[in-house]
């Protein structure tokens, strides 16, 4: 059993997979920062200082009908919210990652 595990772990495919997962996680963090820190601020500027990450709609307010500055404040008070701004940010992250992966795969296929 140990021998089989050792063969599996040392095989190129298992090591390649592990390296790919680690690099993919780091790449996701880089893209997240790119979207949050580089892309979204100019978009916010063009939309009058709108911060997409804090855009939300209150679907059900807690008793008292208070106003909330952030989705976190609303959730803390017990409101039910639709956090569409966070979704927009995550969607942009996804599209950039998907496009970057597309370019990498296209480049690799071209080298074959």
PDB file of N, CA and C in Angstrom:
ATOM      1  N   UNK A   1       0.823  -1.184   0.000  1.00  0.00           N
ATOM      2  CA  UNK A   1       0.000   0.000   0.000  1.00  0.00           C
ATOM      3  C   UNK A   1       0.877   1.262   0.000  1.00  0.00           C
ATOM      4  N   UNK A   2       1.900   1.299   0.857  1.00  0.00           N
ATOM      5  CA  UNK A   2       2.796   2.455   0.912  1.00  0.00           C
ATOM      6  C   UNK A   2       3.463   2.665  -0.443  1.00  0.00           C
ATOM      7  N   UNK A   3       3.864   1.558  -1.081  1.00  0.00           N
ATOM      8  CA  UNK A   3       4.532   1.640  -2.373  1.00  0.00           C
ATOM      9  C   UNK A   3       3.591   2.243  -3.421  1.00  0.00           C
ATOM     10  N   UNK A   4       2.335   1.807  -3.407  1.00  0.00           N
ATOM     11  CA  UNK A   4       1.360   2.345  -4.355  1.00  0.00           C
ATOM     12  C   UNK A   4       1.140   3.842  -4.132  1.00  0.00           C
ATOM     13  N   UNK A   5       1.032   4.228  -2.855  1.00  0.00           N
ATOM     14  CA  UNK A   5       0.843   5.645  -2.539  1.00  0.00           C
ATOM     15  C   UNK A   5       2.043   6.463  -3.001  1.00  0.00           C
ATOM     16  N   UNK A   6       3.232   5.942  -2.748  1.00  0.00           N
ATOM     17  CA  UNK A   6       4.462   6.635  -3.136  1.00  0.00           C
ATOM     18  C   UNK A   6       4.515   6.815  -4.656  1.00  0.00           C
ATOM     19  N   UNK A   7       4.152   5.775  -5.392  1.00  0.00           N
ATOM     20  CA  UNK A   7       4.132   5.866  -6.852  1.00  0.00           C
ATOM     21  C   UNK A   7       3.128   6.914  -7.315  1.00  0.00           C
ATOM     22  N   UNK A   8       1.964   6.931  -6.679  1.00  0.00           N
ATOM     23  CA  UNK A   8       0.931   7.909  -7.024  1.00  0.00           C
ATOM     24  C   UNK A   8       1.406   9.334  -6.737  1.00  0.00           C
ATOM     25  N   UNK A   9       1.959   9.543  -5.552  1.00  0.00           N
ATOM     26  CA  UNK A   9       2.366  10.885  -5.123  1.00  0.00           C
ATOM     27  C   UNK A   9       3.533  11.420  -5.944  1.00  0.00           C
ATOM     28  N   UNK A  10       4.404  10.540  -6.388  1.00  0.00           N
ATOM     29  CA  UNK A  10       5.592  10.975  -7.114  1.00  0.00           C
ATOM     30  C   UNK A  10       5.323  11.075  -8.615  1.00  0.00           C
ATOM     31  N   UNK A  11       4.259  10.441  -9.075  1.00  0.00           N
ATOM     32  CA  UNK A  11       3.907  10.536 -10.484  1.00  0.00           C
ATOM     33  C   UNK A  11       3.773  11.998 -10.873  1.00  0.00           C
ATOM     34  N   UNK A  12       4.138  12.309 -12.099  1.00  0.00           N
ATOM     35  CA  UNK A  12       4.053  13.686 -12.580  1.00  0.00           C
ATOM     36  C   UNK A  12       2.660  14.282 -12.492  1.00  0.00           C
ATOM     37  N   UNK A  13       1.625  13.485 -12.765  1.00  0.00           N
ATOM     38  CA  UNK A  13       0.269  14.015 -12.778  1.00  0.00           C
ATOM     39  C   UNK A  13      -0.161  14.537 -11.414  1.00  0.00           C
ATOM     40  N   UNK A  14       0.129  13.810 -10.351  1.00  0.00           N
ATOM     41  CA  UNK A  14      -0.280  14.246  -9.013  1.00  0.00           C
ATOM     42  C   UNK A  14       0.461  15.513  -8.613  1.00  0.00           C
ATOM     43  N   UNK A  15       1.734  15.574  -8.910  1.00  0.00           N
ATOM     44  CA  UNK A  15       2.527  16.764  -8.576  1.00  0.00           C
ATOM     45  C   UNK A  15       2.081  17.946  -9.432  1.00  0.00           C
ATOM     46  N   UNK A  16       1.842  17.712 -10.719  1.00  0.00           N
ATOM     47  CA  UNK A  16       1.349  18.777 -11.598  1.00  0.00           C
ATOM     48  C   UNK A  16       0.019  19.323 -11.097  1.00  0.00           C
ATOM     49  N   UNK A  17      -0.853  18.434 -10.662  1.00  0.00           N
ATOM     50  CA  UNK A  17      -2.150  18.854 -10.139  1.00  0.00           C
ATOM     51  C   UNK A  17      -1.982  19.713  -8.894  1.00  0.00           C
ATOM     52  N   UNK A  18      -1.123  19.288  -7.983  1.00  0.00           N
ATOM     53  CA  UNK A  18      -0.892  20.054  -6.753  1.00  0.00           C
ATOM     54  C   UNK A  18      -0.334  21.439  -7.068  1.00  0.00           C
ATOM     55  N   UNK A  19       0.624  21.499  -7.968  1.00  0.00           N
ATOM     56  CA  UNK A  19       1.204  22.790  -8.359  1.00  0.00           C
ATOM     57  C   UNK A  19       0.135  23.661  -9.020  1.00  0.00           C
ATOM     58  N   UNK A  20      -0.675  23.066  -9.866  1.00  0.00           N
ATOM     59  CA  UNK A  20      -1.745  23.813 -10.533  1.00  0.00           C
ATOM     60  C   UNK A  20      -2.753  24.395  -9.557  1.00  0.00           C
ATOM     61  N   UNK A  21      -3.120  23.617  -8.549  1.00  0.00           N
ATOM     62  CA  UNK A  21      -4.076  24.097  -7.545  1.00  0.00           C
ATOM     63  C   UNK A  21      -3.484  25.266  -6.760  1.00  0.00           C
ATOM     64  N   UNK A  22      -2.235  25.142  -6.359  1.00  0.00           N
ATOM     65  CA  UNK A  22      -1.580  26.209  -5.584  1.00  0.00           C
ATOM     66  C   UNK A  22      -1.440  27.476  -6.427  1.00  0.00           C
ATOM     67  N   UNK A  23      -0.987  27.331  -7.656  1.00  0.00           N
ATOM     68  CA  UNK A  23      -0.848  28.497  -8.532  1.00  0.00           C
ATOM     69  C   UNK A  23      -2.220  29.099  -8.835  1.00  0.00           C
ATOM     70  N   UNK A  24      -3.214  28.248  -9.027  1.00  0.00           N
ATOM     71  CA  UNK A  24      -4.571  28.734  -9.286  1.00  0.00           C
ATOM     72  C   UNK A  24      -5.121  29.545  -8.126  1.00  0.00           C
ATOM     73  N   UNK A  25      -4.872  29.100  -6.909  1.00  0.00           N
ATOM     74  CA  UNK A  25      -5.336  29.845  -5.732  1.00  0.00           C
ATOM     75  C   UNK A  25      -4.649  31.202  -5.651  1.00  0.00           C
ATOM     76  N   UNK A  26      -3.350  31.222  -5.899  1.00  0.00           N
ATOM     77  CA  UNK A  26      -2.614  32.492  -5.873  1.00  0.00           C
ATOM     78  C   UNK A  26      -3.087  33.410  -7.001  1.00  0.00           C
ATOM     79  N   UNK A  27      -3.345  32.845  -8.167  1.00  0.00           N
ATOM     80  CA  UNK A  27      -3.829  33.619  -9.309  1.00  0.00           C
ATOM     81  C   UNK A  27      -5.183  34.243  -8.993  1.00  0.00           C
ATOM     82  N   UNK A  28      -6.039  33.492  -8.305  1.00  0.00           N
ATOM     83  CA  UNK A  28      -7.346  34.013  -7.905  1.00  0.00           C
ATOM     84  C   UNK A  28      -7.218  35.227  -6.995  1.00  0.00           C
ATOM     85  N   UNK A  29      -6.256  35.188  -6.077  1.00  0.00           N
ATOM     86  CA  UNK A  29      -6.023  36.334  -5.185  1.00  0.00           C
ATOM     87  C   UNK A  29      -5.537  37.550  -5.967  1.00  0.00           C
ATOM     88  N   UNK A  30      -4.650  37.308  -6.929  1.00  0.00           N
ATOM     89  CA  UNK A  30      -4.134  38.410  -7.752  1.00  0.00           C
ATOM     90  C   UNK A  30      -5.270  39.039  -8.560  1.00  0.00           C
ATOM     91  N   UNK A  31      -6.096  38.216  -9.174  1.00  0.00           N
ATOM     92  CA  UNK A  31      -7.218  38.730  -9.966  1.00  0.00           C
ATOM     93  C   UNK A  31      -8.219  39.450  -9.067  1.00  0.00           C
ATOM     94  N   UNK A  32      -8.466  38.912  -7.872  1.00  0.00           N
ATOM     95  CA  UNK A  32      -9.366  39.583  -6.929  1.00  0.00           C
ATOM     96  C   UNK A  32      -8.877  40.980  -6.592  1.00  0.00           C
ATOM     97  N   UNK A  33      -7.590  41.111  -6.361  1.00  0.00           N
ATOM     98  CA  UNK A  33      -7.006  42.421  -6.073  1.00  0.00           C
ATOM     99  C   UNK A  33      -7.066  43.318  -7.306  1.00  0.00           C
ATOM    100  N   UNK A  34      -6.807  42.758  -8.480  1.00  0.00           N
ATOM    101  CA  UNK A  34      -6.884  43.533  -9.717  1.00  0.00           C
ATOM    102  C   UNK A  34      -8.274  44.148  -9.875  1.00  0.00           C
ATOM    103  N   UNK A  35      -9.289  43.336  -9.674  1.00  0.00           N
ATOM    104  CA  UNK A  35     -10.659  43.830  -9.827  1.00  0.00           C
ATOM    105  C   UNK A  35     -10.998  44.841  -8.738  1.00  0.00           C
ATOM    106  N   UNK A  36     -10.737  44.485  -7.481  1.00  0.00           N
ATOM    107  CA  UNK A  36     -11.115  45.344  -6.350  1.00  0.00           C
ATOM    108  C   UNK A  36     -10.305  46.637  -6.303  1.00  0.00           C
ATOM    109  N   UNK A  37      -9.003  46.545  -6.513  1.00  0.00           N
ATOM    110  CA  UNK A  37      -8.116  47.688  -6.292  1.00  0.00           C
ATOM    111  C   UNK A  37      -7.773  48.485  -7.547  1.00  0.00           C
ATOM    112  N   UNK A  38      -7.898  47.880  -8.729  1.00  0.00           N
ATOM    113  CA  UNK A  38      -7.489  48.549  -9.960  1.00  0.00           C
ATOM    114  C   UNK A  38      -8.674  48.846 -10.887  1.00  0.00           C
ATOM    115  N   UNK A  39      -9.519  47.861 -11.131  1.00  0.00           N
ATOM    116  CA  UNK A  39     -10.601  48.031 -12.105  1.00  0.00           C
ATOM    117  C   UNK A  39     -11.821  48.745 -11.520  1.00  0.00           C
ATOM    118  N   UNK A  40     -12.277  48.324 -10.350  1.00  0.00           N
ATOM    119  CA  UNK A  40     -13.516  48.882  -9.802  1.00  0.00           C
ATOM    120  C   UNK A  40     -13.409  50.350  -9.366  1.00  0.00           C
ATOM    121  N   UNK A  41     -12.284  50.833  -8.817  1.00  0.00           N
ATOM    122  CA  UNK A  41     -12.238  52.260  -8.445  1.00  0.00           C
ATOM    123  C   UNK A  41     -12.490  53.223  -9.614  1.00  0.00           C
ATOM    124  N   UNK A  42     -11.863  53.031 -10.794  1.00  0.00           N
ATOM    125  CA  UNK A  42     -12.206  53.938 -11.904  1.00  0.00           C
ATOM    126  C   UNK A  42     -13.666  53.808 -12.344  1.00  0.00           C
ATOM    127  N   UNK A  43     -14.190  52.590 -12.311  1.00  0.00           N
ATOM    128  CA  UNK A  43     -15.602  52.412 -12.652  1.00  0.00           C
ATOM    129  C   UNK A  43     -16.463  53.158 -11.638  1.00  0.00           C
ATOM    130  N   UNK A  44     -16.101  53.058 -10.370  1.00  0.00           N
ATOM    131  CA  UNK A  44     -16.813  53.803  -9.337  1.00  0.00           C
ATOM    132  C   UNK A  44     -16.729  55.301  -9.563  1.00  0.00           C
ATOM    133  N   UNK A  45     -15.569  55.774  -9.993  1.00  0.00           N
ATOM    134  CA  UNK A  45     -15.384  57.200 -10.287  1.00  0.00           C
ATOM    135  C   UNK A  45     -16.288  57.637 -11.436  1.00  0.00           C
ATOM    136  N   UNK A  46     -16.361  56.798 -12.474  1.00  0.00           N
ATOM    137  CA  UNK A  46     -17.206  57.128 -13.626  1.00  0.00           C
ATOM    138  C   UNK A  46     -18.690  57.103 -13.272  1.00  0.00           C
ATOM    139  N   UNK A  47     -19.038  56.384 -12.225  1.00  0.00           N
ATOM    140  CA  UNK A  47     -20.441  56.304 -11.811  1.00  0.00           C
ATOM    141  C   UNK A  47     -20.716  57.193 -10.607  1.00  0.00           C
ATOM    142  N   UNK A  48     -19.892  58.214 -10.415  1.00  0.00           N
ATOM    143  CA  UNK A  48     -20.137  59.174  -9.346  1.00  0.00           C
ATOM    144  C   UNK A  48     -19.706  58.703  -7.976  1.00  0.00           C
ATOM    145  N   UNK A  49     -18.642  57.937  -7.897  1.00  0.00           N
ATOM    146  CA  UNK A  49     -18.121  57.478  -6.609  1.00  0.00           C
ATOM    147  C   UNK A  49     -18.829  56.254  -6.055  1.00  0.00           C
ATOM    148  N   UNK A  50     -19.565  55.558  -6.892  1.00  0.00           N
ATOM    149  CA  UNK A  50     -20.312  54.376  -6.469  1.00  0.00           C
ATOM    150  C   UNK A  50     -19.360  53.235  -6.123  1.00  0.00           C
ATOM    151  N   UNK A  51     -19.510  52.682  -4.929  1.00  0.00           N
ATOM    152  CA  UNK A  51     -18.724  51.523  -4.499  1.00  0.00           C
ATOM    153  C   UNK A  51     -19.593  50.289  -4.698  1.00  0.00           C
ATOM    154  N   UNK A  52     -19.302  49.527  -5.733  1.00  0.00           N
ATOM    155  CA  UNK A  52     -20.149  48.389  -6.067  1.00  0.00           C
ATOM    156  C   UNK A  52     -20.239  47.364  -4.947  1.00  0.00           C
ATOM    157  N   UNK A  53     -19.164  47.174  -4.200  1.00  0.00           N
ATOM    158  CA  UNK A  53     -19.165  46.125  -3.176  1.00  0.00           C
ATOM    159  C   UNK A  53     -20.198  46.386  -2.084  1.00  0.00           C
ATOM    160  N   UNK A  54     -20.616  47.638  -1.916  1.00  0.00           N
ATOM    161  CA  UNK A  54     -21.603  47.958  -0.881  1.00  0.00           C
ATOM    162  C   UNK A  54     -22.984  48.260  -1.446  1.00  0.00           C
ATOM    163  N   UNK A  55     -23.238  47.887  -2.682  1.00  0.00           N
ATOM    164  CA  UNK A  55     -24.556  48.113  -3.266  1.00  0.00           C
ATOM    165  C   UNK A  55     -25.463  46.939  -2.928  1.00  0.00           C
ATOM    166  N   UNK A  56     -26.609  47.259  -2.383  1.00  0.00           N
ATOM    167  CA  UNK A  56     -27.541  46.212  -1.985  1.00  0.00           C
ATOM    168  C   UNK A  56     -28.951  46.773  -1.952  1.00  0.00           C
ATOM    169  N   UNK A  57     -29.905  45.880  -1.899  1.00  0.00           N
ATOM    170  CA  UNK A  57     -31.306  46.236  -1.814  1.00  0.00           C
ATOM    171  C   UNK A  57     -31.880  45.505  -0.610  1.00  0.00           C
ATOM    172  N   UNK A  58     -32.568  46.223   0.249  1.00  0.00           N
ATOM    173  CA  UNK A  58     -33.184  45.593   1.419  1.00  0.00           C
ATOM    174  C   UNK A  58     -34.494  44.961   0.967  1.00  0.00           C
ATOM    175  N   UNK A  59     -34.592  43.650   1.090  1.00  0.00           N
ATOM    176  CA  UNK A  59     -35.808  42.935   0.720  1.00  0.00           C
ATOM    177  C   UNK A  59     -36.814  42.925   1.867  1.00  0.00           C
ATOM    178  N   UNK A  60     -36.293  42.829   3.088  1.00  0.00           N
ATOM    179  CA  UNK A  60     -37.168  42.844   4.265  1.00  0.00           C
ATOM    180  C   UNK A  60     -36.419  43.520   5.405  1.00  0.00           C
ATOM    181  N   UNK A  61     -36.981  44.627   5.870  1.00  0.00           N
ATOM    182  CA  UNK A  61     -36.360  45.371   6.971  1.00  0.00           C
ATOM    183  C   UNK A  61     -36.773  44.782   8.308  1.00  0.00           C
ATOM    184  N   UNK A  62     -35.925  44.940   9.305  1.00  0.00           N
ATOM    185  CA  UNK A  62     -36.327  44.552  10.654  1.00  0.00           C
ATOM    186  C   UNK A  62     -37.338  45.582  11.173  1.00  0.00           C
ATOM    187  N   UNK A  63     -38.032  45.274  12.244  1.00  0.00           N
ATOM    188  CA  UNK A  63     -38.973  46.250  12.804  1.00  0.00           C
ATOM    189  C   UNK A  63     -38.266  47.580  13.071  1.00  0.00           C
ATOM    190  N   UNK A  64     -38.916  48.664  12.719  1.00  0.00           N
ATOM    191  CA  UNK A  64     -38.330  49.988  12.917  1.00  0.00           C
ATOM    192  C   UNK A  64     -37.907  50.619  11.609  1.00  0.00           C
ATOM    193  N   UNK A  65     -37.725  49.826  10.557  1.00  0.00           N
ATOM    194  CA  UNK A  65     -37.413  50.320   9.221  1.00  0.00           C
ATOM    195  C   UNK A  65     -36.193  51.210   9.120  1.00  0.00           C
ATOM    196  N   UNK A  66     -35.120  50.845   9.750  1.00  0.00           N
ATOM    197  CA  UNK A  66     -33.897  51.654   9.711  1.00  0.00           C
ATOM    198  C   UNK A  66     -33.249  51.611   8.331  1.00  0.00           C
ATOM    199  N   UNK A  67     -32.405  52.607   8.054  1.00  0.00           N
ATOM    200  CA  UNK A  67     -31.604  52.650   6.831  1.00  0.00           C
ATOM    201  C   UNK A  67     -30.215  52.099   7.160  1.00  0.00           C
ATOM    202  N   UNK A  68     -29.582  51.460   6.192  1.00  0.00           N
ATOM    203  CA  UNK A  68     -28.291  50.826   6.428  1.00  0.00           C
ATOM    204  C   UNK A  68     -27.273  51.299   5.403  1.00  0.00           C
ATOM    205  N   UNK A  69     -26.045  51.518   5.850  1.00  0.00           N
ATOM    206  CA  UNK A  69     -24.968  51.980   4.968  1.00  0.00           C
ATOM    207  C   UNK A  69     -24.326  50.832   4.200  1.00  0.00           C
ATOM    208  N   UNK A  70     -24.261  49.659   4.807  1.00  0.00           N
ATOM    209  CA  UNK A  70     -23.596  48.517   4.174  1.00  0.00           C
ATOM    210  C   UNK A  70     -24.444  47.264   4.342  1.00  0.00           C
ATOM    211  N   UNK A  71     -24.212  46.265   3.503  1.00  0.00           N
ATOM    212  CA  UNK A  71     -24.920  44.996   3.675  1.00  0.00           C
ATOM    213  C   UNK A  71     -24.624  44.359   5.034  1.00  0.00           C
ATOM    214  N   UNK A  72     -23.404  44.549   5.526  1.00  0.00           N
ATOM    215  CA  UNK A  72     -23.041  43.987   6.834  1.00  0.00           C
ATOM    216  C   UNK A  72     -23.864  44.631   7.944  1.00  0.00           C
ATOM    217  N   UNK A  73     -24.071  45.952   7.863  1.00  0.00           N
ATOM    218  CA  UNK A  73     -24.904  46.638   8.856  1.00  0.00           C
ATOM    219  C   UNK A  73     -26.335  46.121   8.809  1.00  0.00           C
ATOM    220  N   UNK A  74     -26.842  45.929   7.604  1.00  0.00           N
ATOM    221  CA  UNK A  74     -28.209  45.438   7.439  1.00  0.00           C
ATOM    222  C   UNK A  74     -28.349  44.026   7.999  1.00  0.00           C
ATOM    223  N   UNK A  75     -27.388  43.166   7.693  1.00  0.00           N
ATOM    224  CA  UNK A  75     -27.432  41.786   8.189  1.00  0.00           C
ATOM    225  C   UNK A  75     -27.349  41.753   9.707  1.00  0.00           C
ATOM    226  N   UNK A  76     -26.510  42.618  10.263  1.00  0.00           N
ATOM    227  CA  UNK A  76     -26.356  42.682  11.720  1.00  0.00           C
ATOM    228  C   UNK A  76     -27.672  43.063  12.395  1.00  0.00           C
ATOM    229  N   UNK A  77     -28.456  43.916  11.726  1.00  0.00           N
ATOM    230  CA  UNK A  77     -29.740  44.349  12.286  1.00  0.00           C
ATOM    231  C   UNK A  77     -30.857  43.352  12.003  1.00  0.00           C
ATOM    232  N   UNK A  78     -30.565  42.332  11.211  1.00  0.00           N
ATOM    233  CA  UNK A  78     -31.564  41.309  10.924  1.00  0.00           C
ATOM    234  C   UNK A  78     -32.330  41.516   9.628  1.00  0.00           C
ATOM    235  N   UNK A  79     -31.887  42.441   8.794  1.00  0.00           N
ATOM    236  CA  UNK A  79     -32.548  42.675   7.511  1.00  0.00           C
ATOM    237  C   UNK A  79     -32.152  41.590   6.515  1.00  0.00           C
ATOM    238  N   UNK A  80     -33.037  41.348   5.568  1.00  0.00           N
ATOM    239  CA  UNK A  80     -32.744  40.423   4.471  1.00  0.00           C
ATOM    240  C   UNK A  80     -32.389  41.284   3.266  1.00  0.00           C
ATOM    241  N   UNK A  81     -31.214  41.041   2.695  1.00  0.00           N
ATOM    242  CA  UNK A  81     -30.730  41.892   1.609  1.00  0.00           C
ATOM    243  C   UNK A  81     -30.407  41.108   0.350  1.00  0.00           C
ATOM    244  N   UNK A  82     -30.416  41.828  -0.737  1.00  0.00           N
ATOM    245  CA  UNK A  82     -29.994  41.314  -2.034  1.00  0.00           C
ATOM    246  C   UNK A  82     -28.726  42.075  -2.374  1.00  0.00           C
ATOM    247  N   UNK A  83     -27.574  41.429  -2.275  1.00  0.00           N
ATOM    248  CA  UNK A  83     -26.268  42.084  -2.403  1.00  0.00           C
ATOM    249  C   UNK A  83     -25.771  42.040  -3.846  1.00  0.00           C
ATOM    250  N   UNK A  84     -26.437  42.780  -4.706  1.00  0.00           N
ATOM    251  CA  UNK A  84     -26.102  42.745  -6.126  1.00  0.00           C
ATOM    252  C   UNK A  84     -24.733  43.356  -6.431  1.00  0.00           C
ATOM    253  N   UNK A  85     -24.263  44.289  -5.626  1.00  0.00           N
ATOM    254  CA  UNK A  85     -22.950  44.899  -5.861  1.00  0.00           C
ATOM    255  C   UNK A  85     -21.822  43.898  -5.706  1.00  0.00           C
ATOM    256  N   UNK A  86     -21.906  43.081  -4.675  1.00  0.00           N
ATOM    257  CA  UNK A  86     -20.900  42.036  -4.477  1.00  0.00           C
ATOM    258  C   UNK A  86     -20.942  41.044  -5.635  1.00  0.00           C
ATOM    259  N   UNK A  87     -22.143  40.727  -6.111  1.00  0.00           N
ATOM    260  CA  UNK A  87     -22.279  39.815  -7.239  1.00  0.00           C
ATOM    261  C   UNK A  87     -21.605  40.387  -8.487  1.00  0.00           C
ATOM    262  N   UNK A  88     -21.785  41.681  -8.739  1.00  0.00           N
ATOM    263  CA  UNK A  88     -21.150  42.317  -9.900  1.00  0.00           C
ATOM    264  C   UNK A  88     -19.632  42.196  -9.803  1.00  0.00           C
ATOM    265  N   UNK A  89     -19.089  42.448  -8.615  1.00  0.00           N
ATOM    266  CA  UNK A  89     -17.644  42.349  -8.413  1.00  0.00           C
ATOM    267  C   UNK A  89     -17.150  40.919  -8.638  1.00  0.00           C
ATOM    268  N   UNK A  90     -17.858  39.940  -8.088  1.00  0.00           N
ATOM    269  CA  UNK A  90     -17.474  38.532  -8.256  1.00  0.00           C
ATOM    270  C   UNK A  90     -17.598  38.118  -9.722  1.00  0.00           C
ATOM    271  N   UNK A  91     -18.621  38.600 -10.404  1.00  0.00           N
ATOM    272  CA  UNK A  91     -18.802  38.285 -11.819  1.00  0.00           C
ATOM    273  C   UNK A  91     -17.645  38.836 -12.655  1.00  0.00           C
ATOM    274  N   UNK A  92     -17.225  40.056 -12.366  1.00  0.00           N
ATOM    275  CA  UNK A  92     -16.078  40.632 -13.081  1.00  0.00           C
ATOM    276  C   UNK A  92     -14.820  39.809 -12.805  1.00  0.00           C
ATOM    277  N   UNK A  93     -14.625  39.395 -11.540  1.00  0.00           N
ATOM    278  CA  UNK A  93     -13.500  38.498 -11.203  1.00  0.00           C
ATOM    279  C   UNK A  93     -13.531  37.256 -12.085  1.00  0.00           C
ATOM    280  N   UNK A  94     -14.692  36.621 -12.140  1.00  0.00           N
ATOM    281  CA  UNK A  94     -14.839  35.387 -12.904  1.00  0.00           C
ATOM    282  C   UNK A  94     -14.518  35.608 -14.380  1.00  0.00           C
ATOM    283  N   UNK A  95     -15.054  36.672 -14.959  1.00  0.00           N
ATOM    284  CA  UNK A  95     -14.832  36.926 -16.381  1.00  0.00           C
ATOM    285  C   UNK A  95     -13.357  37.165 -16.690  1.00  0.00           C
ATOM    286  N   UNK A  96     -12.671  37.881 -15.819  1.00  0.00           N
ATOM    287  CA  UNK A  96     -11.238  38.120 -16.036  1.00  0.00           C
ATOM    288  C   UNK A  96     -10.453  36.817 -15.910  1.00  0.00           C
ATOM    289  N   UNK A  97     -10.765  36.011 -14.898  1.00  0.00           N
ATOM    290  CA  UNK A  97     -10.079  34.723 -14.725  1.00  0.00           C
ATOM    291  C   UNK A  97     -10.356  33.816 -15.920  1.00  0.00           C
ATOM    292  N   UNK A  98     -11.616  33.742 -16.352  1.00  0.00           N
ATOM    293  CA  UNK A  98     -11.965  32.892 -17.492  1.00  0.00           C
ATOM    294  C   UNK A  98     -11.228  33.343 -18.751  1.00  0.00           C
ATOM    295  N   UNK A  99     -11.130  34.657 -18.970  1.00  0.00           N
ATOM    296  CA  UNK A  99     -10.430  35.171 -20.148  1.00  0.00           C
ATOM    297  C   UNK A  99      -8.935  34.880 -20.068  1.00  0.00           C
ATOM    298  N   UNK A 100      -8.362  35.048 -18.885  1.00  0.00           N
ATOM    299  CA  UNK A 100      -6.933  34.764 -18.711  1.00  0.00           C
ATOM    300  C   UNK A 100      -6.643  33.284 -18.960  1.00  0.00           C
ATOM    301  N   UNK A 101      -7.490  32.408 -18.448  1.00  0.00           N
ATOM    302  CA  UNK A 101      -7.307  30.966 -18.673  1.00  0.00           C
ATOM    303  C   UNK A 101      -7.465  30.649 -20.156  1.00  0.00           C
ATOM    304  N   UNK A 102      -8.433  31.277 -20.802  1.00  0.00           N
ATOM    305  CA  UNK A 102      -8.618  31.096 -22.240  1.00  0.00           C
ATOM    306  C   UNK A 102      -7.344  31.456 -23.001  1.00  0.00           C
ATOM    307  N   UNK A 103      -6.730  32.595 -22.648  1.00  0.00           N
ATOM    308  CA  UNK A 103      -5.500  33.015 -23.318  1.00  0.00           C
ATOM    309  C   UNK A 103      -4.359  32.031 -23.084  1.00  0.00           C
ATOM    310  N   UNK A 104      -4.251  31.513 -21.858  1.00  0.00           N
ATOM    311  CA  UNK A 104      -3.200  30.532 -21.550  1.00  0.00           C
ATOM    312  C   UNK A 104      -3.413  29.258 -22.356  1.00  0.00           C
ATOM    313  N   UNK A 105      -4.639  28.738 -22.368  1.00  0.00           N
ATOM    314  CA  UNK A 105      -4.933  27.503 -23.106  1.00  0.00           C
ATOM    315  C   UNK A 105      -4.699  27.721 -24.600  1.00  0.00           C
ATOM    316  N   UNK A 106      -5.121  28.869 -25.100  1.00  0.00           N
ATOM    317  CA  UNK A 106      -4.906  29.172 -26.516  1.00  0.00           C
ATOM    318  C   UNK A 106      -3.413  29.213 -26.836  1.00  0.00           C
ATOM    319  N   UNK A 107      -2.617  29.819 -25.957  1.00  0.00           N
ATOM    320  CA  UNK A 107      -1.170  29.868 -26.155  1.00  0.00           C
ATOM    321  C   UNK A 107      -0.529  28.496 -26.117  1.00  0.00           C
ATOM    322  N   UNK A 108      -0.952  27.667 -25.174  1.00  0.00           N
ATOM    323  CA  UNK A 108      -0.410  26.305 -25.066  1.00  0.00           C
ATOM    324  C   UNK A 108      -0.778  25.498 -26.304  1.00  0.00           C
ATOM    325  N   UNK A 109      -2.020  25.608 -26.754  1.00  0.00           N
ATOM    326  CA  UNK A 109      -2.443  24.873 -27.949  1.00  0.00           C
ATOM    327  C   UNK A 109      -1.685  25.331 -29.191  1.00  0.00           C
ATOM    328  N   UNK A 110      -1.350  26.602 -29.244  1.00  0.00           N
ATOM    329  CA  UNK A 110      -0.602  27.137 -30.384  1.00  0.00           C
ATOM    330  C   UNK A 110       0.817  26.576 -30.419  1.00  0.00           C
ATOM    331  N   UNK A 111       1.400  26.315 -29.240  1.00  0.00           N
ATOM    332  CA  UNK A 111       2.764  25.780 -29.163  1.00  0.00           C
ATOM    333  C   UNK A 111       2.832  24.310 -29.538  1.00  0.00           C
ATOM    334  N   UNK A 112       1.703  23.617 -29.518  1.00  0.00           N
ATOM    335  CA  UNK A 112       1.707  22.174 -29.824  1.00  0.00           C
ATOM    336  C   UNK A 112       1.968  21.923 -31.285  1.00  0.00           C
TER     337      UNK A 112
END
